[in-house]
Amino acid sequence: MEIIIKIFQGALLIASGIALIKFRREIDNWFGGLDFAEKILGPGGTMLFMVLFGSFLTFSGVIVWAGGFDVIGNAIASIFGK
């Protein structure tokens, strides 16, 4: 049962990331620009932030599918104890 949940979580993250990248212009028109992204990243920073965050979500979804967070979590648990 746990594997089905991980597959669903990974698929949801991947779909969210791809949707954010694909529809970033519509999202920007709907919500407006992100002031912190424009300030830190310069002109067009909102679009760049959405692409970077969407890529992060997609990459995280692949890691969830591969069980990578389990490996990281087990390593941290072995250091600090359960």
Protein backbone atom coordinates (compact mmCIF):
# COMPACT_ATOMS: atom_id res chain seq x y z
CA MET A 1 0.00 0.00 0.00
CA GLU A 2 2.87 2.35 0.77
CA ILE A 3 4.28 2.02 -2.75
CA ILE A 4 0.94 3.11 -4.24
CA ILE A 5 0.98 6.25 -2.10
CA LYS A 6 4.56 7.04 -3.18
CA ILE A 7 3.64 6.58 -6.84
CA PHE A 8 0.65 8.88 -6.43
CA GLN A 9 2.70 11.51 -4.57
CA GLY A 10 5.45 11.42 -7.19
CA ALA A 11 2.95 11.68 -10.05
CA LEU A 12 1.23 14.61 -8.34
CA LEU A 13 4.53 16.48 -7.87
CA ILE A 14 5.58 15.85 -11.47
CA ALA A 15 2.21 16.95 -12.84
CA SER A 16 2.25 20.08 -10.66
CA GLY A 17 5.74 21.01 -11.80
CA ILE A 18 4.96 20.52 -15.48
CA ALA A 19 1.69 22.46 -15.16
CA LEU A 20 3.49 25.34 -13.43
CA ILE A 21 6.08 25.51 -16.21
CA LYS A 22 3.52 25.17 -18.99
CA PHE A 23 0.96 27.68 -17.64
CA ARG A 24 3.34 30.19 -16.04
CA ARG A 25 2.12 33.07 -18.22
CA GLU A 26 -1.51 32.44 -17.31
CA ILE A 27 -0.59 32.14 -13.63
CA ASP A 28 1.36 35.41 -13.84
CA ASN A 29 -1.59 37.15 -15.52
CA TRP A 30 -4.00 35.77 -12.92
CA PHE A 31 -2.01 36.51 -9.74
CA GLY A 32 0.43 39.19 -10.90
CA GLY A 33 4.16 39.28 -10.49
CA LEU A 34 6.11 38.17 -7.46
CA ASP A 35 7.78 41.24 -6.02
CA PHE A 36 10.59 39.35 -4.31
CA ALA A 37 11.44 37.48 -7.53
CA GLU A 38 11.51 40.69 -9.56
CA LYS A 39 13.71 42.34 -6.93
CA ILE A 40 16.18 39.47 -6.52
CA LEU A 41 16.24 38.02 -10.05
CA GLY A 42 15.66 41.24 -11.98
CA PRO A 43 13.22 41.87 -14.82
CA GLY A 44 11.39 38.68 -15.75
CA GLY A 45 12.21 37.21 -12.36
CA THR A 46 8.67 35.95 -11.81
CA MET A 47 8.80 33.76 -14.91
CA LEU A 48 12.28 32.52 -14.01
CA PHE A 49 11.16 31.71 -10.47
CA MET A 50 8.16 29.74 -11.75
CA VAL A 51 10.36 27.73 -14.11
CA LEU A 52 12.90 27.01 -11.37
CA PHE A 53 10.20 26.06 -8.84
CA GLY A 54 8.38 23.90 -11.41
CA SER A 55 11.66 22.14 -12.21
CA PHE A 56 12.24 21.58 -8.50
CA LEU A 57 8.76 20.05 -8.12
CA THR A 58 9.30 17.78 -11.12
CA PHE A 59 12.72 16.66 -9.88
CA SER A 60 11.29 16.03 -6.39
CA GLY A 61 8.55 13.88 -7.91
CA VAL A 62 11.13 11.72 -9.67
CA ILE A 63 13.06 11.36 -6.40
CA VAL A 64 9.86 10.30 -4.59
CA TRP A 65 9.24 7.66 -7.25
CA ALA A 66 12.80 6.37 -6.95
CA GLY A 67 12.65 6.27 -3.16
CA GLY A 68 15.45 8.80 -2.77
CA PHE A 69 13.86 10.58 0.18
CA ASP A 70 13.74 7.25 2.02
CA VAL A 71 17.50 6.90 1.61
CA ILE A 72 18.10 10.45 2.86
CA GLY A 73 15.66 10.00 5.75
CA ASN A 74 17.26 6.71 6.80
CA ALA A 75 20.72 8.28 6.74
CA ILE A 76 19.58 11.16 8.95
CA ALA A 77 17.74 8.77 11.29
CA SER A 78 20.86 6.62 11.67
CA ILE A 79 22.87 9.69 12.69
CA PHE A 80 20.39 11.12 15.18
CA GLY A 81 18.57 7.97 16.19
CA LYS A 82 14.92 7.12 15.72
